[in-house]
Each structure stands twice: as structure tokens, then as C-alpha cells.
Amino acid sequence: MGIGRKTRSIGKMIEGKTKEMAGKAVGNKSMEKKGKAEMVKGKVRHAVEKGKDTFRH
């Protein structure tokens, strides 16, 4: 797997966590849920790419 895909998935996790925290801070439940979903999406992508690496080597 390319380093670009790994960094993008980590970036999504960070972006999601930031949105979640911002949503909590301002009391916006919608933003909080979107952030949490984005973070999970990043974690799943990262796990998939890590699995691909395992099978390639």
C-alpha cells in the first residue's frame, strides 16, 4: 500500500475526531455524530490497507 493512502486514512481519523470534539464543545449533536462516523470510516480504511500490506509481504 502506498504511503498516501495510509496518511489519508489517518487524516480522516484526525478530522473526524476534531469534528466530534467541536460538536461536543458547541453542543451540536449532528456535527458530533458526523465526526464520529468519519473517524470510524478512517479506522476501517486504515485496517483494510494494513490487511492488504500483510498479504503482500
Protein backbone atom coordinates (compact mmCIF):
# COMPACT_ATOMS: atom_id res chain seq x y z
CA MET A 1 0.00 0.00 0.00
CA GLY A 2 1.17 3.44 -0.77
CA ILE A 3 2.07 5.84 1.97
CA GLY A 4 -0.51 8.25 0.54
CA ARG A 5 -3.43 6.00 1.35
CA LYS A 6 -2.19 5.43 4.89
CA THR A 7 -1.83 9.14 5.52
CA ARG A 8 -5.25 9.86 4.04
CA SER A 9 -6.91 7.31 6.33
CA ILE A 10 -5.07 8.70 9.36
CA GLY A 11 -6.07 12.19 8.25
CA LYS A 12 -9.72 11.12 8.15
CA MET A 13 -9.46 9.74 11.67
CA ILE A 14 -7.97 13.01 12.94
CA GLU A 15 -10.51 15.10 11.03
CA GLY A 16 -13.35 13.01 12.43
CA LYS A 17 -12.10 13.30 15.99
CA THR A 18 -11.76 17.07 15.57
CA LYS A 19 -15.33 17.37 14.30
CA GLU A 20 -16.58 15.19 17.13
CA MET A 21 -14.83 17.33 19.76
CA ALA A 22 -16.02 20.56 18.12
CA GLY A 23 -19.58 19.22 18.09
CA LYS A 24 -19.36 18.37 21.78
CA ALA A 25 -17.90 21.78 22.58
CA VAL A 26 -20.69 23.72 20.89
CA GLY A 27 -23.46 21.25 21.72
CA ASN A 28 -24.12 20.30 18.10
CA LYS A 29 -25.17 16.62 18.15
CA SER A 30 -25.29 16.38 14.35
CA MET A 31 -21.69 17.54 13.95
CA GLU A 32 -20.64 15.20 16.75
CA LYS A 33 -22.23 12.18 15.04
CA LYS A 34 -20.78 13.08 11.64
CA GLY A 35 -17.34 13.39 13.20
CA LYS A 36 -17.64 10.03 14.91
CA ALA A 37 -18.77 8.40 11.65
CA GLU A 38 -15.86 9.96 9.77
CA MET A 39 -13.43 8.71 12.38
CA VAL A 40 -14.78 5.16 12.12
CA LYS A 41 -14.58 5.36 8.34
CA GLY A 42 -10.90 6.33 8.60
CA LYS A 43 -10.20 3.48 11.01
CA VAL A 44 -11.84 0.96 8.68
CA ARG A 45 -9.87 2.20 5.68
CA HIS A 46 -6.66 2.04 7.69
CA ALA A 47 -7.40 -1.54 8.78
CA VAL A 48 -8.16 -2.59 5.19
CA GLU A 49 -4.93 -1.09 3.92
CA LYS A 50 -2.98 -2.69 6.75
CA GLY A 51 -4.53 -6.05 5.82
CA LYS A 52 -3.51 -5.57 2.20
CA ASP A 53 0.07 -4.97 3.34
CA THR A 54 0.03 -8.17 5.35
CA PHE A 55 -0.94 -10.27 2.35
CA ARG A 56 1.53 -8.61 0.01
CA HIS A 57 4.57 -9.34 2.15
